Amino acid sequence: IVLTGESAGAHLALITGMQLPTAAAIINWYGIT
């Protein structure tokens, strides 16, 4: 499973993948960190 998104969506992909360690990778498109 790959989590991804753009801007606020990338923020959500990052925080989701960091809190629920299910993803195989995260693609962060210019996300808010």
Full PDB file with SEQRES, HELIX, SHEET, SSBOND, CRYST1, ORIGX, SCALE, CONECT and MASTER records, all heavy atoms in Angstrom:
SEQRES   1 A   33  ILE VAL LEU THR GLY GLU SER ALA GLY ALA HIS LEU ALA          
SEQRES   2 A   33  LEU ILE THR GLY MET GLN LEU PRO THR ALA ALA ALA ILE          
SEQRES   3 A   33  ILE ASN TRP TYR GLY ILE THR                                  
HELIX    1 AA1 ALA A    8  GLN A   19  1                                  12    
SHEET    1 AA1 2 VAL A   2  GLU A   6  0                                        
SHEET    2 AA1 2 ALA A  25  TRP A  29  1                                        
CRYST1    1.000    1.000    1.000  90.00  90.00  90.00 P 1           1          
ORIGX1      1.000000  0.000000  0.000000        0.00000                         
ORIGX2      0.000000  1.000000  0.000000        0.00000                         
ORIGX3      0.000000  0.000000  1.000000        0.00000                         
SCALE1      1.000000  0.000000  0.000000        0.00000                         
SCALE2      0.000000  1.000000  0.000000        0.00000                         
SCALE3      0.000000  0.000000  1.000000        0.00000                         
ATOM      1  N   ILE A   1       0.851  -1.190   0.000  1.00  0.00           N  
ATOM      2  CA  ILE A   1       0.000   0.000   0.000  1.00  0.00           C  
ATOM      3  C   ILE A   1       0.886   1.239   0.000  1.00  0.00           C  
ATOM      4  O   ILE A   1       1.827   1.355   0.797  1.00  0.00           O  
ATOM      5  CB  ILE A   1      -0.937   0.016   1.222  1.00  0.00           C  
ATOM      6  CG1 ILE A   1      -1.987  -1.101   1.086  1.00  0.00           C  
ATOM      7  CG2 ILE A   1      -1.610   1.370   1.388  1.00  0.00           C  
ATOM      8  CD1 ILE A   1      -2.893  -1.250   2.289  1.00  0.00           C  
ATOM      9  N   VAL A   2       0.586   2.157  -0.901  1.00  0.00           N  
ATOM     10  CA  VAL A   2       1.312   3.422  -1.006  1.00  0.00           C  
ATOM     11  C   VAL A   2       0.356   4.549  -0.637  1.00  0.00           C  
ATOM     12  O   VAL A   2      -0.725   4.663  -1.209  1.00  0.00           O  
ATOM     13  CB  VAL A   2       1.842   3.646  -2.442  1.00  0.00           C  
ATOM     14  CG1 VAL A   2       2.571   4.984  -2.539  1.00  0.00           C  
ATOM     15  CG2 VAL A   2       2.747   2.496  -2.864  1.00  0.00           C  
ATOM     16  N   LEU A   3       0.741   5.376   0.321  1.00  0.00           N  
ATOM     17  CA  LEU A   3      -0.044   6.546   0.693  1.00  0.00           C  
ATOM     18  C   LEU A   3       0.520   7.764  -0.023  1.00  0.00           C  
ATOM     19  O   LEU A   3       1.742   7.959  -0.066  1.00  0.00           O  
ATOM     20  CB  LEU A   3       0.009   6.777   2.205  1.00  0.00           C  
ATOM     21  CG  LEU A   3      -0.521   5.648   3.085  1.00  0.00           C  
ATOM     22  CD1 LEU A   3      -0.391   6.026   4.558  1.00  0.00           C  
ATOM     23  CD2 LEU A   3      -1.956   5.309   2.756  1.00  0.00           C  
ATOM     24  N   THR A   4      -0.369   8.584  -0.580  1.00  0.00           N  
ATOM     25  CA  THR A   4       0.095   9.770  -1.277  1.00  0.00           C  
ATOM     26  C   THR A   4      -0.967  10.851  -1.253  1.00  0.00           C  
ATOM     27  O   THR A   4      -2.137  10.605  -0.932  1.00  0.00           O  
ATOM     28  CB  THR A   4       0.501   9.441  -2.730  1.00  0.00           C  
ATOM     29  OG1 THR A   4       1.193  10.565  -3.292  1.00  0.00           O  
ATOM     30  CG2 THR A   4      -0.710   9.130  -3.597  1.00  0.00           C  
ATOM     31  N   GLY A   5      -0.550  12.053  -1.586  1.00  0.00           N  
ATOM     32  CA  GLY A   5      -1.459  13.186  -1.658  1.00  0.00           C  
ATOM     33  C   GLY A   5      -0.676  14.427  -2.001  1.00  0.00           C  
ATOM     34  O   GLY A   5       0.562  14.404  -2.105  1.00  0.00           O  
ATOM     35  N   GLU A   6      -1.402  15.509  -2.173  1.00  0.00           N  
ATOM     36  CA  GLU A   6      -0.790  16.775  -2.561  1.00  0.00           C  
ATOM     37  C   GLU A   6      -1.115  17.839  -1.518  1.00  0.00           C  
ATOM     38  O   GLU A   6      -2.265  17.963  -1.092  1.00  0.00           O  
ATOM     39  CB  GLU A   6      -1.313  17.212  -3.936  1.00  0.00           C  
ATOM     40  CG  GLU A   6      -0.997  16.207  -5.038  1.00  0.00           C  
ATOM     41  CD  GLU A   6      -1.739  16.470  -6.336  1.00  0.00           C  
ATOM     42  OE1 GLU A   6      -2.652  17.327  -6.348  1.00  0.00           O  
ATOM     43  OE2 GLU A   6      -1.433  15.789  -7.336  1.00  0.00           O  
ATOM     44  N   SER A   7      -0.088  18.577  -1.075  1.00  0.00           N  
ATOM     45  CA  SER A   7      -0.266  19.680  -0.137  1.00  0.00           C  
ATOM     46  C   SER A   7      -0.851  19.174   1.180  1.00  0.00           C  
ATOM     47  O   SER A   7      -0.228  18.351   1.857  1.00  0.00           O  
ATOM     48  CB  SER A   7      -1.131  20.762  -0.784  1.00  0.00           C  
ATOM     49  OG  SER A   7      -1.087  21.959  -0.044  1.00  0.00           O  
ATOM     50  N   ALA A   8      -2.054  19.624   1.568  1.00  0.00           N  
ATOM     51  CA  ALA A   8      -2.669  19.111   2.797  1.00  0.00           C  
ATOM     52  C   ALA A   8      -2.929  17.614   2.688  1.00  0.00           C  
ATOM     53  O   ALA A   8      -2.897  16.897   3.696  1.00  0.00           O  
ATOM     54  CB  ALA A   8      -3.961  19.860   3.097  1.00  0.00           C  
ATOM     55  N   GLY A   9      -3.193  17.129   1.474  1.00  0.00           N  
ATOM     56  CA  GLY A   9      -3.367  15.696   1.278  1.00  0.00           C  
ATOM     57  C   GLY A   9      -2.087  14.933   1.536  1.00  0.00           C  
ATOM     58  O   GLY A   9      -2.098  13.811   2.064  1.00  0.00           O  
ATOM     59  N   ALA A  10      -0.954  15.525   1.179  1.00  0.00           N  
ATOM     60  CA  ALA A  10       0.337  14.898   1.472  1.00  0.00           C  
ATOM     61  C   ALA A  10       0.592  14.900   2.971  1.00  0.00           C  
ATOM     62  O   ALA A  10       1.150  13.946   3.526  1.00  0.00           O  
ATOM     63  CB  ALA A  10       1.451  15.628   0.737  1.00  0.00           C  
ATOM     64  N   HIS A  11       0.221  16.004   3.638  1.00  0.00           N  
ATOM     65  CA  HIS A  11       0.304  16.036   5.101  1.00  0.00           C  
ATOM     66  C   HIS A  11      -0.471  14.862   5.696  1.00  0.00           C  
ATOM     67  O   HIS A  11       0.014  14.154   6.581  1.00  0.00           O  
ATOM     68  CB  HIS A  11      -0.260  17.361   5.636  1.00  0.00           C  
ATOM     69  CG  HIS A  11      -0.668  17.299   7.078  1.00  0.00           C  
ATOM     70  ND1 HIS A  11      -1.955  16.965   7.464  1.00  0.00           N  
ATOM     71  CD2 HIS A  11       0.029  17.481   8.220  1.00  0.00           C  
ATOM     72  CE1 HIS A  11      -2.024  16.963   8.787  1.00  0.00           C  
ATOM     73  NE2 HIS A  11      -0.834  17.270   9.270  1.00  0.00           N  
ATOM     74  N   LEU A  12      -1.697  14.638   5.185  1.00  0.00           N  
ATOM     75  CA  LEU A  12      -2.525  13.554   5.712  1.00  0.00           C  
ATOM     76  C   LEU A  12      -1.935  12.183   5.385  1.00  0.00           C  
ATOM     77  O   LEU A  12      -2.014  11.256   6.197  1.00  0.00           O  
ATOM     78  CB  LEU A  12      -3.947  13.677   5.168  1.00  0.00           C  
ATOM     79  CG  LEU A  12      -4.723  14.897   5.686  1.00  0.00           C  
ATOM     80  CD1 LEU A  12      -6.022  15.081   4.895  1.00  0.00           C  
ATOM     81  CD2 LEU A  12      -5.008  14.772   7.178  1.00  0.00           C  
ATOM     82  N   ALA A  13      -1.355  12.050   4.198  1.00  0.00           N  
ATOM     83  CA  ALA A  13      -0.690  10.790   3.851  1.00  0.00           C  
ATOM     84  C   ALA A  13       0.479  10.520   4.797  1.00  0.00           C  
ATOM     85  O   ALA A  13       0.667   9.395   5.278  1.00  0.00           O  
ATOM     86  CB  ALA A  13      -0.208  10.830   2.403  1.00  0.00           C  
ATOM     87  N   LEU A  14       1.253  11.559   5.083  1.00  0.00           N  
ATOM     88  CA  LEU A  14       2.397  11.411   5.985  1.00  0.00           C  
ATOM     89  C   LEU A  14       1.947  11.037   7.393  1.00  0.00           C  
ATOM     90  O   LEU A  14       2.437  10.071   7.982  1.00  0.00           O  
ATOM     91  CB  LEU A  14       3.202  12.714   6.032  1.00  0.00           C  
ATOM     92  CG  LEU A  14       4.067  13.034   4.820  1.00  0.00           C  
ATOM     93  CD1 LEU A  14       4.505  14.496   4.841  1.00  0.00           C  
ATOM     94  CD2 LEU A  14       5.296  12.114   4.760  1.00  0.00           C  
ATOM     95  N   ILE A  15       1.020  11.817   7.946  1.00  0.00           N  
ATOM     96  CA  ILE A  15       0.622  11.590   9.333  1.00  0.00           C  
ATOM     97  C   ILE A  15      -0.092  10.256   9.481  1.00  0.00           C  
ATOM     98  O   ILE A  15       0.049   9.562  10.489  1.00  0.00           O  
ATOM     99  CB  ILE A  15      -0.238  12.771   9.851  1.00  0.00           C  
ATOM    100  CG1 ILE A  15      -0.245  12.811  11.378  1.00  0.00           C  
ATOM    101  CG2 ILE A  15      -1.632  12.754   9.298  1.00  0.00           C  
ATOM    102  CD1 ILE A  15       1.005  13.343  11.983  1.00  0.00           C  
ATOM    103  N   THR A  16      -0.847   9.853   8.452  1.00  0.00           N  
ATOM    104  CA  THR A  16      -1.519   8.545   8.492  1.00  0.00           C  
ATOM    105  C   THR A  16      -0.501   7.419   8.482  1.00  0.00           C  
ATOM    106  O   THR A  16      -0.575   6.473   9.278  1.00  0.00           O  
ATOM    107  CB  THR A  16      -2.485   8.404   7.300  1.00  0.00           C  
ATOM    108  OG1 THR A  16      -3.477   9.434   7.375  1.00  0.00           O  
ATOM    109  CG2 THR A  16      -3.167   7.051   7.309  1.00  0.00           C  
ATOM    110  N   GLY A  17       0.471   7.505   7.574  1.00  0.00           N  
ATOM    111  CA  GLY A  17       1.489   6.463   7.482  1.00  0.00           C  
ATOM    112  C   GLY A  17       2.402   6.408   8.680  1.00  0.00           C  
ATOM    113  O   GLY A  17       2.945   5.343   9.013  1.00  0.00           O  
ATOM    114  N   MET A  18       2.561   7.539   9.353  1.00  0.00           N  
ATOM    115  CA  MET A  18       3.416   7.574  10.541  1.00  0.00           C  
ATOM    116  C   MET A  18       2.695   7.023  11.771  1.00  0.00           C  
ATOM    117  O   MET A  18       3.327   6.450  12.662  1.00  0.00           O  
ATOM    118  CB  MET A  18       3.868   9.009  10.805  1.00  0.00           C  
ATOM    119  CG  MET A  18       4.876   9.534   9.802  1.00  0.00           C  
ATOM    120  SD  MET A  18       5.241  11.289  10.051  1.00  0.00           S  
ATOM    121  CE  MET A  18       6.720  11.479   9.034  1.00  0.00           C  
ATOM    122  N   GLN A  19       1.367   7.188  11.822  1.00  0.00           N  
ATOM    123  CA  GLN A  19       0.617   6.736  12.987  1.00  0.00           C  
ATOM    124  C   GLN A  19       0.115   5.302  12.840  1.00  0.00           C  
ATOM    125  O   GLN A  19      -0.084   4.617  13.843  1.00  0.00           O  
ATOM    126  CB  GLN A  19      -0.576   7.666  13.239  1.00  0.00           C  
ATOM    127  CG  GLN A  19      -0.161   9.052  13.698  1.00  0.00           C  
ATOM    128  CD  GLN A  19      -1.332   9.842  14.258  1.00  0.00           C  
ATOM    129  OE1 GLN A  19      -2.187   9.322  14.947  1.00  0.00           O  
ATOM    130  NE2 GLN A  19      -1.364  11.122  13.952  1.00  0.00           N  
ATOM    131  N   LEU A  20      -0.126   4.873  11.610  1.00  0.00           N  
ATOM    132  CA  LEU A  20      -0.627   3.523  11.365  1.00  0.00           C  
ATOM    133  C   LEU A  20       0.356   2.843  10.425  1.00  0.00           C  
ATOM    134  O   LEU A  20       0.268   3.001   9.197  1.00  0.00           O  
ATOM    135  CB  LEU A  20      -2.028   3.589  10.748  1.00  0.00           C  
ATOM    136  CG  LEU A  20      -2.842   2.302  10.715  1.00  0.00           C  
ATOM    137  CD1 LEU A  20      -3.114   1.806  12.126  1.00  0.00           C  
ATOM    138  CD2 LEU A  20      -4.163   2.534   9.982  1.00  0.00           C  
ATOM    139  N   PRO A  21       1.327   2.116  10.949  1.00  0.00           N  
ATOM    140  CA  PRO A  21       2.434   1.603  10.124  1.00  0.00           C  
ATOM    141  C   PRO A  21       2.018   0.438   9.234  1.00  0.00           C  
ATOM    142  O   PRO A  21       2.459  -0.694   9.414  1.00  0.00           O  
ATOM    143  CB  PRO A  21       3.457   1.185  11.175  1.00  0.00           C  
ATOM    144  CG  PRO A  21       2.640   0.822  12.373  1.00  0.00           C  
ATOM    145  CD  PRO A  21       1.454   1.729  12.355  1.00  0.00           C  
ATOM    146  N   THR A  22       1.163   0.748   8.262  1.00  0.00           N  
ATOM    147  CA  THR A  22       0.681  -0.266   7.325  1.00  0.00           C  
ATOM    148  C   THR A  22       1.270  -0.064   5.939  1.00  0.00           C  
ATOM    149  O   THR A  22       1.412  -1.014   5.183  1.00  0.00           O  
ATOM    150  CB  THR A  22      -0.866  -0.215   7.242  1.00  0.00           C  
ATOM    151  OG1 THR A  22      -1.393  -0.437   8.553  1.00  0.00           O  
ATOM    152  CG2 THR A  22      -1.411  -1.262   6.305  1.00  0.00           C  
ATOM    153  N   ALA A  23       1.592   1.171   5.599  1.00  0.00           N  
ATOM    154  CA  ALA A  23       2.035   1.497   4.242  1.00  0.00           C  
ATOM    155  C   ALA A  23       3.412   0.937   3.943  1.00  0.00           C  
ATOM    156  O   ALA A  23       4.281   0.857   4.820  1.00  0.00           O  
ATOM    157  CB  ALA A  23       2.040   3.007   4.053  1.00  0.00           C  
ATOM    158  N   ALA A  24       3.597   0.557   2.675  1.00  0.00           N  
ATOM    159  CA  ALA A  24       4.917   0.141   2.207  1.00  0.00           C  
ATOM    160  C   ALA A  24       5.765   1.340   1.820  1.00  0.00           C  
ATOM    161  O   ALA A  24       6.996   1.256   1.794  1.00  0.00           O  
ATOM    162  CB  ALA A  24       4.772  -0.795   1.012  1.00  0.00           C  
ATOM    163  N   ALA A  25       5.110   2.461   1.491  1.00  0.00           N  
ATOM    164  CA  ALA A  25       5.827   3.684   1.098  1.00  0.00           C  
ATOM    165  C   ALA A  25       4.858   4.855   1.166  1.00  0.00           C  
ATOM    166  O   ALA A  25       3.633   4.682   1.110  1.00  0.00           O  
ATOM    167  CB  ALA A  25       6.406   3.551  -0.310  1.00  0.00           C  
ATOM    168  N   ILE A  26       5.421   6.063   1.281  1.00  0.00           N  
ATOM    169  CA  ILE A  26       4.649   7.303   1.262  1.00  0.00           C  
ATOM    170  C   ILE A  26       5.262   8.212   0.206  1.00  0.00           C  
ATOM    171  O   ILE A  26       6.486   8.414   0.182  1.00  0.00           O  
ATOM    172  CB  ILE A  26       4.655   8.005   2.627  1.00  0.00           C  
ATOM    173  CG1 ILE A  26       4.106   7.081   3.726  1.00  0.00           C  
ATOM    174  CG2 ILE A  26       3.844   9.307   2.573  1.00  0.00           C  
ATOM    175  CD1 ILE A  26       4.270   7.630   5.141  1.00  0.00           C  
ATOM    176  N   ILE A  27       4.416   8.754  -0.667  1.00  0.00           N  
ATOM    177  CA  ILE A  27       4.860   9.725  -1.665  1.00  0.00           C  
ATOM    178  C   ILE A  27       4.269  11.076  -1.265  1.00  0.00           C  
ATOM    179  O   ILE A  27       3.052  11.273  -1.312  1.00  0.00           O  
ATOM    180  CB  ILE A  27       4.414   9.342  -3.088  1.00  0.00           C  
ATOM    181  CG1 ILE A  27       4.788   7.887  -3.400  1.00  0.00           C  
ATOM    182  CG2 ILE A  27       5.021  10.303  -4.099  1.00  0.00           C  
ATOM    183  CD1 ILE A  27       6.261   7.593  -3.409  1.00  0.00           C  
ATOM    184  N   ASN A  28       5.120  11.985  -0.872  1.00  0.00           N  
ATOM    185  CA  ASN A  28       4.735  13.273  -0.318  1.00  0.00           C  
ATOM    186  C   ASN A  28       4.915  14.370  -1.368  1.00  0.00           C  
ATOM    187  O   ASN A  28       6.028  14.783  -1.657  1.00  0.00           O  
ATOM    188  CB  ASN A  28       5.595  13.545   0.931  1.00  0.00           C  
ATOM    189  CG  ASN A  28       5.590  14.993   1.358  1.00  0.00           C  
ATOM    190  OD1 ASN A  28       4.614  15.710   1.188  1.00  0.00           O  
ATOM    191  ND2 ASN A  28       6.713  15.438   1.929  1.00  0.00           N  
ATOM    192  N   TRP A  29       3.782  14.841  -1.929  1.00  0.00           N  
ATOM    193  CA  TRP A  29       3.834  15.927  -2.903  1.00  0.00           C  
ATOM    194  C   TRP A  29       3.668  17.261  -2.180  1.00  0.00           C  
ATOM    195  O   TRP A  29       2.580  17.616  -1.764  1.00  0.00           O  
ATOM    196  CB  TRP A  29       2.711  15.789  -3.929  1.00  0.00           C  
ATOM    197  CG  TRP A  29       2.794  14.610  -4.851  1.00  0.00           C  
ATOM    198  CD1 TRP A  29       2.530  13.309  -4.557  1.00  0.00           C  
ATOM    199  CD2 TRP A  29       3.130  14.638  -6.249  1.00  0.00           C  
ATOM    200  NE1 TRP A  29       2.682  12.528  -5.689  1.00  0.00           N  
ATOM    201  CE2 TRP A  29       3.049  13.312  -6.739  1.00  0.00           C  
ATOM    202  CE3 TRP A  29       3.478  15.674  -7.142  1.00  0.00           C  
ATOM    203  CZ2 TRP A  29       3.307  12.981  -8.065  1.00  0.00           C  
ATOM    204  CZ3 TRP A  29       3.732  15.337  -8.458  1.00  0.00           C  
ATOM    205  CH2 TRP A  29       3.655  14.010  -8.909  1.00  0.00           C  
ATOM    206  N   TYR A  30       4.781  17.959  -1.979  1.00  0.00           N  
ATOM    207  CA  TYR A  30       4.826  19.306  -1.372  1.00  0.00           C  
ATOM    208  C   TYR A  30       3.887  19.448  -0.178  1.00  0.00           C  
ATOM    209  O   TYR A  30       3.106  20.372  -0.053  1.00  0.00           O  
ATOM    210  CB  TYR A  30       4.581  20.396  -2.428  1.00  0.00           C  
ATOM    211  CG  TYR A  30       3.453  20.155  -3.409  1.00  0.00           C  
ATOM    212  CD1 TYR A  30       2.148  20.559  -3.152  1.00  0.00           C  
ATOM    213  CD2 TYR A  30       3.709  19.521  -4.647  1.00  0.00           C  
ATOM    214  CE1 TYR A  30       1.137  20.356  -4.066  1.00  0.00           C  
ATOM    215  CE2 TYR A  30       2.695  19.298  -5.553  1.00  0.00           C  
ATOM    216  CZ  TYR A  30       1.411  19.720  -5.256  1.00  0.00           C  
ATOM    217  OH  TYR A  30       0.400  19.513  -6.161  1.00  0.00           O  
ATOM    218  N   GLY A  31       4.035  18.493   0.749  1.00  0.00           N  
ATOM    219  CA  GLY A  31       3.135  18.457   1.898  1.00  0.00           C  
ATOM    220  C   GLY A  31       3.569  19.359   3.038  1.00  0.00           C  
ATOM    221  O   GLY A  31       4.737  19.721   3.190  1.00  0.00           O  
ATOM    222  N   ILE A  32       2.599  19.685   3.870  1.00  0.00           N  
ATOM    223  CA  ILE A  32       2.823  20.479   5.076  1.00  0.00           C  
ATOM    224  C   ILE A  32       3.397  19.543   6.130  1.00  0.00           C  
ATOM    225  O   ILE A  32       2.765  18.536   6.491  1.00  0.00           O  
ATOM    226  CB  ILE A  32       1.500  21.097   5.572  1.00  0.00           C  
ATOM    227  CG1 ILE A  32       0.918  22.013   4.498  1.00  0.00           C  
ATOM    228  CG2 ILE A  32       1.699  21.848   6.889  1.00  0.00           C  
ATOM    229  CD1 ILE A  32      -0.582  22.076   4.482  1.00  0.00           C  
ATOM    230  N   THR A  33       4.562  19.856   6.654  1.00  0.00           N  
ATOM    231  CA  THR A  33       5.170  19.014   7.680  1.00  0.00           C  
ATOM    232  C   THR A  33       5.214  19.702   9.036  1.00  0.00           C  
ATOM    233  O   THR A  33       5.376  19.047  10.057  1.00  0.00           O  
ATOM    234  CB  THR A  33       6.597  18.585   7.268  1.00  0.00           C  
ATOM    235  OG1 THR A  33       7.426  19.736   7.141  1.00  0.00           O  
ATOM    236  CG2 THR A  33       6.570  17.836   5.939  1.00  0.00           C  
TER     237      THR A  33                                                      
MASTER        0    0    0    1    2    0    0    6  236    1    0    3          
END                                                                             
